[in-house]
Amino acid sequence: MVKQKQMNYLKFLYASFMTPNREIAEIFEDFGLIEYKHMMWAMNDMVKNKVEFDMDIDSLRDFKSETTNEVISKLITQIENSIQNSNTNGVDETTLKRFKSDEDYMLSVLKTLNDDTKITAFDEHKTLKNVEITPAQADAFNFFLVGETFKEYELITIYSYLKAHINDNVEAVNCFADLSSDSIYHLKRFAKYAAELGTLSFVRSIDKDKYQNVEIVQFLKENIEEEIGAEKECLILAEKIGNDDLSNFLLFISRQEVYHAELLERALSHLKK
């Protein structure tokens, strides 16, 4: 069930990144965030009921599409399969009923959508609509986006897994919830820029040793250093690109990295008690 919900939320989010029609893209994004919540509820139930799970996902490459209608068709199949998923071990009946209610509605909405617009998120044109950018600037920015998109997905996965497994520590859970939320936001922003450049790439499964049986205190200490390092990387890239619009965005991200380090410090202090 956890894999199903992960694939659901990722496909909806990627559908929102690649779809030119912003009204339809917003529907996909909303449904993706609902499916992420479904995943967390399933994980919380399974931890409570002592059912083990991992965070593996299948390849998303087959989700690459040429038109919005192709995306819609794939999402309809995805949600139909999700509704029929019988792998519900460890998930409470009330939770499953909520899943079905939400997904019945999603399916009904998806079946009303019709848009045959061509998708340009993968054609590598490397230009931005409202920002003048040189080929060198585009390459530097794209290199950053590829690495940071995967990094944010990795953090979403780790924070979500840890949040489900330490749910008896309310303060630490709140910190991980904030961190997950910010990482989802960053993933969306980075991926949308990549789609606009025509260089959108798909995330992939992360190694289990990144989140299973980790020494949480040591993990937090290491990630505090990584967040501080990420702030410096954003500042360096902002100066290297030299584009006011993109530099402003990167400076905003750098300030958020400082806040993330503070949240990790806070989580660390509560887990040490």
C-alpha atoms as a PDB file:
ATOM      1  CA  MET A   1       0.000   0.000   0.000  1.00  0.00           C
ATOM      2  CA  VAL A   2       2.844   2.431   0.781  1.00  0.00           C
ATOM      3  CA  LYS A   3       4.372   1.908  -2.675  1.00  0.00           C
ATOM      4  CA  GLN A   4       0.968   2.395  -4.312  1.00  0.00           C
ATOM      5  CA  LYS A   5       0.444   5.674  -2.492  1.00  0.00           C
ATOM      6  CA  GLN A   6       3.976   6.851  -3.254  1.00  0.00           C
ATOM      7  CA  MET A   7       3.502   6.134  -6.949  1.00  0.00           C
ATOM      8  CA  ASN A   8       0.143   7.913  -6.866  1.00  0.00           C
ATOM      9  CA  TYR A   9       1.455  11.109  -5.322  1.00  0.00           C
ATOM     10  CA  LEU A  10       4.568  11.172  -7.493  1.00  0.00           C
ATOM     11  CA  LYS A  11       2.648  10.638 -10.731  1.00  0.00           C
ATOM     12  CA  PHE A  12       0.158  13.352  -9.872  1.00  0.00           C
ATOM     13  CA  LEU A  13       2.957  15.776  -9.016  1.00  0.00           C
ATOM     14  CA  TYR A  14       4.891  14.962 -12.179  1.00  0.00           C
ATOM     15  CA  ALA A  15       1.675  15.359 -14.158  1.00  0.00           C
ATOM     16  CA  SER A  16       1.356  18.852 -12.680  1.00  0.00           C
ATOM     17  CA  PHE A  17       4.973  19.677 -13.621  1.00  0.00           C
ATOM     18  CA  MET A  18       4.695  18.610 -17.249  1.00  0.00           C
ATOM     19  CA  THR A  19       1.168  19.822 -18.067  1.00  0.00           C
ATOM     20  CA  PRO A  20       1.091  23.237 -19.827  1.00  0.00           C
ATOM     21  CA  ASN A  21      -2.575  23.878 -18.931  1.00  0.00           C
ATOM     22  CA  ARG A  22      -2.234  25.462 -15.485  1.00  0.00           C
ATOM     23  CA  GLU A  23      -5.869  24.853 -14.510  1.00  0.00           C
ATOM     24  CA  ILE A  24      -5.470  21.112 -15.095  1.00  0.00           C
ATOM     25  CA  ALA A  25      -1.992  21.154 -13.539  1.00  0.00           C
ATOM     26  CA  GLU A  26      -3.445  22.606 -10.316  1.00  0.00           C
ATOM     27  CA  ILE A  27      -5.949  19.729 -10.143  1.00  0.00           C
ATOM     28  CA  PHE A  28      -3.097  17.238 -10.506  1.00  0.00           C
ATOM     29  CA  GLU A  29      -1.054  19.004  -7.828  1.00  0.00           C
ATOM     30  CA  ASP A  30      -3.969  19.042  -5.375  1.00  0.00           C
ATOM     31  CA  PHE A  31      -4.587  15.327  -5.925  1.00  0.00           C
ATOM     32  CA  GLY A  32      -0.867  14.617  -5.501  1.00  0.00           C
ATOM     33  CA  LEU A  33      -0.825  16.284  -2.082  1.00  0.00           C
ATOM     34  CA  ILE A  34      -3.909  14.299  -1.057  1.00  0.00           C
ATOM     35  CA  GLU A  35      -2.168  11.080  -2.110  1.00  0.00           C
ATOM     36  CA  TYR A  36       0.891  12.072  -0.064  1.00  0.00           C
ATOM     37  CA  LYS A  37      -1.370  12.390   2.980  1.00  0.00           C
ATOM     38  CA  HIS A  38      -2.830   8.976   2.142  1.00  0.00           C
ATOM     39  CA  MET A  39       0.699   7.564   2.175  1.00  0.00           C
ATOM     40  CA  MET A  40       1.369   9.044   5.616  1.00  0.00           C
ATOM     41  CA  TRP A  41      -1.895   7.671   7.019  1.00  0.00           C
ATOM     42  CA  ALA A  42      -1.074   4.218   5.655  1.00  0.00           C
ATOM     43  CA  MET A  43       2.421   4.400   7.163  1.00  0.00           C
ATOM     44  CA  ASN A  44       1.097   5.522  10.546  1.00  0.00           C
ATOM     45  CA  ASP A  45      -1.415   2.650  10.612  1.00  0.00           C
ATOM     46  CA  MET A  46       1.230   0.099   9.626  1.00  0.00           C
ATOM     47  CA  VAL A  47       3.665   1.303  12.299  1.00  0.00           C
ATOM     48  CA  LYS A  48       0.866   1.175  14.882  1.00  0.00           C
ATOM     49  CA  ASN A  49      -0.100  -2.320  13.748  1.00  0.00           C
ATOM     50  CA  LYS A  50       3.546  -3.477  13.629  1.00  0.00           C
ATOM     51  CA  VAL A  51       3.572  -4.185   9.894  1.00  0.00           C
ATOM     52  CA  GLU A  52       6.925  -3.502   8.232  1.00  0.00           C
ATOM     53  CA  PHE A  53       7.271  -1.617   4.954  1.00  0.00           C
ATOM     54  CA  ASP A  54       9.879   0.095   2.816  1.00  0.00           C
ATOM     55  CA  MET A  55       9.879   3.181   0.596  1.00  0.00           C
ATOM     56  CA  ASP A  56      10.788   1.542  -2.710  1.00  0.00           C
ATOM     57  CA  ILE A  57       9.145   2.852  -5.874  1.00  0.00           C
ATOM     58  CA  ASP A  58       8.910   1.564  -9.435  1.00  0.00           C
ATOM     59  CA  SER A  59      10.532   3.419 -12.313  1.00  0.00           C
ATOM     60  CA  LEU A  60       8.609   6.494 -13.448  1.00  0.00           C
ATOM     61  CA  ARG A  61      10.095   6.520 -16.953  1.00  0.00           C
ATOM     62  CA  ASP A  62       6.949   5.035 -18.507  1.00  0.00           C
ATOM     63  CA  PHE A  63       5.042   8.081 -17.247  1.00  0.00           C
ATOM     64  CA  LYS A  64       6.839  10.307 -19.747  1.00  0.00           C
ATOM     65  CA  SER A  65       4.124  11.582 -22.097  1.00  0.00           C
ATOM     66  CA  GLU A  66       3.718  13.608 -25.290  1.00  0.00           C
ATOM     67  CA  THR A  67       0.311  15.219 -24.630  1.00  0.00           C
ATOM     68  CA  THR A  68      -1.844  16.154 -21.648  1.00  0.00           C
ATOM     69  CA  ASN A  69      -4.507  13.634 -22.705  1.00  0.00           C
ATOM     70  CA  GLU A  70      -1.879  10.894 -22.548  1.00  0.00           C
ATOM     71  CA  VAL A  71      -1.078  11.982 -18.977  1.00  0.00           C
ATOM     72  CA  ILE A  72      -4.780  11.969 -18.068  1.00  0.00           C
ATOM     73  CA  SER A  73      -5.196   8.449 -19.466  1.00  0.00           C
ATOM     74  CA  LYS A  74      -2.241   7.166 -17.444  1.00  0.00           C
ATOM     75  CA  LEU A  75      -3.551   8.787 -14.255  1.00  0.00           C
ATOM     76  CA  ILE A  76      -6.985   7.220 -14.741  1.00  0.00           C
ATOM     77  CA  THR A  77      -5.334   3.790 -14.984  1.00  0.00           C
ATOM     78  CA  GLN A  78      -3.183   4.576 -11.930  1.00  0.00           C
ATOM     79  CA  ILE A  79      -6.153   5.505  -9.740  1.00  0.00           C
ATOM     80  CA  GLU A  80      -8.308   2.611 -10.990  1.00  0.00           C
ATOM     81  CA  ASN A  81      -5.501   0.251  -9.969  1.00  0.00           C
ATOM     82  CA  SER A  82      -5.164   2.048  -6.629  1.00  0.00           C
ATOM     83  CA  ILE A  83      -8.876   1.631  -5.870  1.00  0.00           C
ATOM     84  CA  GLN A  84      -8.596  -2.089  -6.649  1.00  0.00           C
ATOM     85  CA  ASN A  85      -5.372  -2.595  -4.650  1.00  0.00           C
ATOM     86  CA  SER A  86      -5.900  -5.514  -2.258  1.00  0.00           C
ATOM     87  CA  ASN A  87      -2.524  -5.206  -0.520  1.00  0.00           C
ATOM     88  CA  THR A  88      -3.982  -3.539   2.566  1.00  0.00           C
ATOM     89  CA  ASN A  89      -2.176  -5.416   5.341  1.00  0.00           C
ATOM     90  CA  GLY A  90      -1.774  -3.201   8.415  1.00  0.00           C
ATOM     91  CA  VAL A  91      -3.989  -0.362   7.179  1.00  0.00           C
ATOM     92  CA  ASP A  92      -7.117   0.295   9.254  1.00  0.00           C
ATOM     93  CA  GLU A  93     -10.524  -0.154   7.661  1.00  0.00           C
ATOM     94  CA  THR A  94     -11.544   3.458   8.359  1.00  0.00           C
ATOM     95  CA  THR A  95      -8.404   4.651   6.570  1.00  0.00           C
ATOM     96  CA  LEU A  96      -9.143   2.443   3.563  1.00  0.00           C
ATOM     97  CA  LYS A  97     -12.673   3.836   3.343  1.00  0.00           C
ATOM     98  CA  ARG A  98     -11.253   7.366   3.256  1.00  0.00           C
ATOM     99  CA  PHE A  99      -8.843   6.343   0.493  1.00  0.00           C
ATOM    100  CA  LYS A 100     -11.665   4.951  -1.622  1.00  0.00           C
ATOM    101  CA  SER A 101     -13.898   7.964  -1.072  1.00  0.00           C
ATOM    102  CA  ASP A 102     -11.142  10.362  -2.129  1.00  0.00           C
ATOM    103  CA  GLU A 103     -10.061   8.294  -5.113  1.00  0.00           C
ATOM    104  CA  ASP A 104     -13.601   7.755  -6.374  1.00  0.00           C
ATOM    105  CA  TYR A 105     -13.856  11.531  -6.555  1.00  0.00           C
ATOM    106  CA  MET A 106     -10.433  11.899  -8.203  1.00  0.00           C
ATOM    107  CA  LEU A 107     -11.408   9.348 -10.832  1.00  0.00           C
ATOM    108  CA  SER A 108     -14.658  11.142 -11.590  1.00  0.00           C
ATOM    109  CA  VAL A 109     -12.781  14.424 -12.087  1.00  0.00           C
ATOM    110  CA  LEU A 110     -10.049  12.868 -14.244  1.00  0.00           C
ATOM    111  CA  LYS A 111     -12.666  11.402 -16.577  1.00  0.00           C
ATOM    112  CA  THR A 112     -14.029  14.890 -17.298  1.00  0.00           C
ATOM    113  CA  LEU A 113     -10.661  16.322 -18.386  1.00  0.00           C
ATOM    114  CA  ASN A 114      -9.739  16.725 -22.035  1.00  0.00           C
ATOM    115  CA  ASP A 115      -6.694  18.595 -23.308  1.00  0.00           C
ATOM    116  CA  ASP A 116      -4.489  17.484 -26.197  1.00  0.00           C
ATOM    117  CA  THR A 117      -1.784  20.112 -25.691  1.00  0.00           C
ATOM    118  CA  LYS A 118       1.731  19.006 -26.577  1.00  0.00           C
ATOM    119  CA  ILE A 119       4.107  18.525 -23.634  1.00  0.00           C
ATOM    120  CA  THR A 120       7.517  20.239 -23.909  1.00  0.00           C
ATOM    121  CA  ALA A 121       8.910  19.328 -20.481  1.00  0.00           C
ATOM    122  CA  PHE A 122      11.414  16.845 -21.937  1.00  0.00           C
ATOM    123  CA  ASP A 123      12.543  18.431 -25.222  1.00  0.00           C
ATOM    124  CA  GLU A 124      15.672  20.155 -23.777  1.00  0.00           C
ATOM    125  CA  HIS A 125      15.028  23.579 -25.334  1.00  0.00           C
ATOM    126  CA  LYS A 126      16.704  25.179 -22.269  1.00  0.00           C
ATOM    127  CA  THR A 127      14.895  28.496 -22.297  1.00  0.00           C
ATOM    128  CA  LEU A 128      12.584  30.135 -19.750  1.00  0.00           C
ATOM    129  CA  LYS A 129       9.392  31.969 -20.670  1.00  0.00           C
ATOM    130  CA  ASN A 130       9.851  35.209 -18.748  1.00  0.00           C
ATOM    131  CA  VAL A 131      13.563  35.139 -17.915  1.00  0.00           C
ATOM    132  CA  GLU A 132      16.419  35.952 -20.290  1.00  0.00           C
ATOM    133  CA  ILE A 133      19.034  33.238 -19.810  1.00  0.00           C
ATOM    134  CA  THR A 134      22.209  32.362 -21.707  1.00  0.00           C
ATOM    135  CA  PRO A 135      23.055  28.751 -22.658  1.00  0.00           C
ATOM    136  CA  ALA A 136      25.803  28.714 -20.010  1.00  0.00           C
ATOM    137  CA  GLN A 137      23.409  30.011 -17.342  1.00  0.00           C
ATOM    138  CA  ALA A 138      20.815  27.445 -18.418  1.00  0.00           C
ATOM    139  CA  ASP A 139      23.329  24.599 -18.134  1.00  0.00           C
ATOM    140  CA  ALA A 140      24.478  25.718 -14.670  1.00  0.00           C
ATOM    141  CA  PHE A 141      20.910  26.118 -13.446  1.00  0.00           C
ATOM    142  CA  ASN A 142      19.839  22.784 -14.926  1.00  0.00           C
ATOM    143  CA  PHE A 143      22.761  20.964 -13.268  1.00  0.00           C
ATOM    144  CA  PHE A 144      21.619  22.398  -9.946  1.00  0.00           C
ATOM    145  CA  LEU A 145      17.965  21.457 -10.562  1.00  0.00           C
ATOM    146  CA  VAL A 146      18.701  17.821 -11.423  1.00  0.00           C
ATOM    147  CA  GLY A 147      20.717  17.235  -8.259  1.00  0.00           C
ATOM    148  CA  GLU A 148      18.423  19.188  -5.957  1.00  0.00           C
ATOM    149  CA  THR A 149      15.218  17.578  -7.261  1.00  0.00           C
ATOM    150  CA  PHE A 150      16.496  14.125  -6.345  1.00  0.00           C
ATOM    151  CA  LYS A 151      17.889  15.398  -3.045  1.00  0.00           C
ATOM    152  CA  GLU A 152      14.513  16.862  -2.063  1.00  0.00           C
ATOM    153  CA  TYR A 153      12.729  13.602  -2.945  1.00  0.00           C
ATOM    154  CA  GLU A 154      15.266  11.738  -0.830  1.00  0.00           C
ATOM    155  CA  LEU A 155      14.606  14.086   2.091  1.00  0.00           C
ATOM    156  CA  ILE A 156      10.815  13.784   1.691  1.00  0.00           C
ATOM    157  CA  THR A 157      11.184  10.001   1.854  1.00  0.00           C
ATOM    158  CA  ILE A 158      13.486  10.015   4.876  1.00  0.00           C
ATOM    159  CA  TYR A 159      11.563  12.631   6.861  1.00  0.00           C
ATOM    160  CA  SER A 160       8.242  10.898   6.133  1.00  0.00           C
ATOM    161  CA  TYR A 161       9.592   7.505   7.203  1.00  0.00           C
ATOM    162  CA  LEU A 162      11.130   8.899  10.403  1.00  0.00           C
ATOM    163  CA  LYS A 163       7.985  10.894  11.181  1.00  0.00           C
ATOM    164  CA  ALA A 164       5.876   7.723  11.042  1.00  0.00           C
ATOM    165  CA  HIS A 165       8.292   5.812  13.271  1.00  0.00           C
ATOM    166  CA  ILE A 166       8.742   8.397  16.044  1.00  0.00           C
ATOM    167  CA  ASN A 167       5.110   9.462  16.312  1.00  0.00           C
ATOM    168  CA  ASP A 168       5.271   9.326  20.107  1.00  0.00           C
ATOM    169  CA  ASN A 169       7.558  12.400  20.148  1.00  0.00           C
ATOM    170  CA  VAL A 170       5.192  15.213  19.200  1.00  0.00           C
ATOM    171  CA  GLU A 171       7.775  18.003  18.988  1.00  0.00           C
ATOM    172  CA  ALA A 172      10.136  15.998  16.772  1.00  0.00           C
ATOM    173  CA  VAL A 173       7.215  14.873  14.596  1.00  0.00           C
ATOM    174  CA  ASN A 174       6.198  18.517  14.115  1.00  0.00           C
ATOM    175  CA  CYS A 175       9.746  19.367  13.006  1.00  0.00           C
ATOM    176  CA  PHE A 176       9.782  16.497  10.506  1.00  0.00           C
ATOM    177  CA  ALA A 177       6.334  17.546   9.253  1.00  0.00           C
ATOM    178  CA  ASP A 178       7.637  21.071   8.563  1.00  0.00           C
ATOM    179  CA  LEU A 179      10.754  19.688   6.892  1.00  0.00           C
ATOM    180  CA  SER A 180       8.703  17.328   4.699  1.00  0.00           C
ATOM    181  CA  SER A 181       6.380  20.157   3.703  1.00  0.00           C
ATOM    182  CA  ASP A 182       9.276  22.432   2.735  1.00  0.00           C
ATOM    183  CA  SER A 183      11.006  19.640   0.805  1.00  0.00           C
ATOM    184  CA  ILE A 184       7.803  18.987  -1.154  1.00  0.00           C
ATOM    185  CA  TYR A 185       7.628  22.705  -1.949  1.00  0.00           C
ATOM    186  CA  HIS A 186      11.263  22.745  -3.071  1.00  0.00           C
ATOM    187  CA  LEU A 187      10.746  19.627  -5.200  1.00  0.00           C
ATOM    188  CA  LYS A 188       7.789  21.289  -6.904  1.00  0.00           C
ATOM    189  CA  ARG A 189       9.676  24.533  -7.600  1.00  0.00           C
ATOM    190  CA  PHE A 190      12.799  22.787  -8.897  1.00  0.00           C
ATOM    191  CA  ALA A 191      10.829  20.377 -11.080  1.00  0.00           C
ATOM    192  CA  LYS A 192       8.654  23.160 -12.511  1.00  0.00           C
ATOM    193  CA  TYR A 193      11.750  25.113 -13.506  1.00  0.00           C
ATOM    194  CA  ALA A 194      13.204  21.941 -15.078  1.00  0.00           C
ATOM    195  CA  ALA A 195       9.958  21.369 -16.995  1.00  0.00           C
ATOM    196  CA  GLU A 196      10.053  24.962 -18.226  1.00  0.00           C
ATOM    197  CA  LEU A 197      13.639  24.390 -19.422  1.00  0.00           C
ATOM    198  CA  GLY A 198      12.562  21.152 -21.103  1.00  0.00           C
ATOM    199  CA  THR A 199      14.897  19.106 -18.884  1.00  0.00           C
ATOM    200  CA  LEU A 200      12.465  17.451 -16.462  1.00  0.00           C
ATOM    201  CA  SER A 201      13.856  14.210 -15.001  1.00  0.00           C
ATOM    202  CA  PHE A 202      12.224  11.569 -12.817  1.00  0.00           C
ATOM    203  CA  VAL A 203      13.235  10.672  -9.277  1.00  0.00           C
ATOM    204  CA  ARG A 204      14.125   7.073  -8.447  1.00  0.00           C
ATOM    205  CA  SER A 205      14.150   4.758  -5.432  1.00  0.00           C
ATOM    206  CA  ILE A 206      16.622   5.535  -2.682  1.00  0.00           C
ATOM    207  CA  ASP A 207      18.686   2.973  -0.797  1.00  0.00           C
ATOM    208  CA  LYS A 208      16.978   1.470   2.230  1.00  0.00           C
ATOM    209  CA  ASP A 209      20.014   2.164   4.397  1.00  0.00           C
ATOM    210  CA  LYS A 210      19.259   5.869   3.978  1.00  0.00           C
ATOM    211  CA  TYR A 211      16.163   5.566   6.174  1.00  0.00           C
ATOM    212  CA  GLN A 212      15.910   2.090   7.749  1.00  0.00           C
ATOM    213  CA  ASN A 213      17.777   1.310  10.974  1.00  0.00           C
ATOM    214  CA  VAL A 214      19.463   4.703  10.954  1.00  0.00           C
ATOM    215  CA  GLU A 215      20.873   6.244  14.120  1.00  0.00           C
ATOM    216  CA  ILE A 216      18.540   9.235  14.163  1.00  0.00           C
ATOM    217  CA  VAL A 217      20.693  11.559  16.302  1.00  0.00           C
ATOM    218  CA  GLN A 218      23.721  11.007  14.039  1.00  0.00           C
ATOM    219  CA  PHE A 219      21.541  11.415  10.940  1.00  0.00           C
ATOM    220  CA  LEU A 220      20.271  14.771  12.204  1.00  0.00           C
ATOM    221  CA  LYS A 221      23.781  16.002  12.997  1.00  0.00           C
ATOM    222  CA  GLU A 222      24.975  15.094   9.487  1.00  0.00           C
ATOM    223  CA  ASN A 223      21.980  16.733   7.836  1.00  0.00           C
ATOM    224  CA  ILE A 224      22.454  19.952   9.789  1.00  0.00           C
ATOM    225  CA  GLU A 225      25.883  20.188   8.144  1.00  0.00           C
ATOM    226  CA  GLU A 226      24.365  19.353   4.750  1.00  0.00           C
ATOM    227  CA  GLU A 227      21.763  22.110   5.059  1.00  0.00           C
ATOM    228  CA  ILE A 228      24.461  24.629   5.902  1.00  0.00           C
ATOM    229  CA  GLY A 229      26.426  23.381   2.888  1.00  0.00           C
ATOM    230  CA  ALA A 230      23.329  23.665   0.680  1.00  0.00           C
ATOM    231  CA  GLU A 231      22.913  27.308   1.713  1.00  0.00           C
ATOM    232  CA  LYS A 232      26.455  28.048   0.537  1.00  0.00           C
ATOM    233  CA  GLU A 233      25.872  26.181  -2.765  1.00  0.00           C
ATOM    234  CA  CYS A 234      22.814  28.336  -3.490  1.00  0.00           C
ATOM    235  CA  LEU A 235      24.761  31.524  -2.808  1.00  0.00           C
ATOM    236  CA  ILE A 236      27.635  30.427  -5.062  1.00  0.00           C
ATOM    237  CA  LEU A 237      25.253  29.461  -7.874  1.00  0.00           C
ATOM    238  CA  ALA A 238      23.325  32.731  -7.551  1.00  0.00           C
ATOM    239  CA  GLU A 239      26.571  34.635  -8.075  1.00  0.00           C
ATOM    240  CA  LYS A 240      27.671  32.346 -10.922  1.00  0.00           C
ATOM    241  CA  ILE A 241      24.401  32.642 -12.850  1.00  0.00           C
ATOM    242  CA  GLY A 242      24.276  36.405 -12.453  1.00  0.00           C
ATOM    243  CA  ASN A 243      20.621  36.608 -13.463  1.00  0.00           C
ATOM    244  CA  ASP A 244      18.545  38.800 -11.146  1.00  0.00           C
ATOM    245  CA  ASP A 245      15.361  36.696 -11.329  1.00  0.00           C
ATOM    246  CA  LEU A 246      17.064  33.333 -10.788  1.00  0.00           C
ATOM    247  CA  SER A 247      19.480  34.749  -8.218  1.00  0.00           C
ATOM    248  CA  ASN A 248      16.550  36.073  -6.189  1.00  0.00           C
ATOM    249  CA  PHE A 249      14.967  32.598  -6.256  1.00  0.00           C
ATOM    250  CA  LEU A 250      18.234  30.937  -5.206  1.00  0.00           C
ATOM    251  CA  LEU A 251      18.741  33.432  -2.367  1.00  0.00           C
ATOM    252  CA  PHE A 252      15.232  32.610  -1.151  1.00  0.00           C
ATOM    253  CA  ILE A 253      16.085  28.887  -1.197  1.00  0.00           C
ATOM    254  CA  SER A 254      19.364  29.551   0.633  1.00  0.00           C
ATOM    255  CA  ARG A 255      17.506  31.305   3.456  1.00  0.00           C
ATOM    256  CA  GLN A 256      15.149  28.341   3.718  1.00  0.00           C
ATOM    257  CA  GLU A 257      18.138  26.001   4.059  1.00  0.00           C
ATOM    258  CA  VAL A 258      19.196  27.975   7.146  1.00  0.00           C
ATOM    259  CA  TYR A 259      15.713  27.502   8.604  1.00  0.00           C
ATOM    260  CA  HIS A 260      15.896  23.765   7.846  1.00  0.00           C
ATOM    261  CA  ALA A 261      19.132  23.525   9.814  1.00  0.00           C
ATOM    262  CA  GLU A 262      17.348  25.233  12.729  1.00  0.00           C
ATOM    263  CA  LEU A 263      14.450  22.745  12.488  1.00  0.00           C
ATOM    264  CA  LEU A 264      16.895  19.832  12.510  1.00  0.00           C
ATOM    265  CA  GLU A 265      18.582  21.311  15.584  1.00  0.00           C
ATOM    266  CA  ARG A 266      15.172  21.553  17.248  1.00  0.00           C
ATOM    267  CA  ALA A 267      14.285  17.945  16.377  1.00  0.00           C
ATOM    268  CA  LEU A 268      17.685  16.841  17.672  1.00  0.00           C
ATOM    269  CA  SER A 269      17.151  18.612  20.985  1.00  0.00           C
ATOM    270  CA  HIS A 270      13.764  16.886  21.496  1.00  0.00           C
ATOM    271  CA  LEU A 271      15.052  13.439  20.566  1.00  0.00           C
ATOM    272  CA  LYS A 272      17.976  13.757  22.988  1.00  0.00           C
ATOM    273  CA  LYS A 273      15.611  14.241  25.942  1.00  0.00           C
END
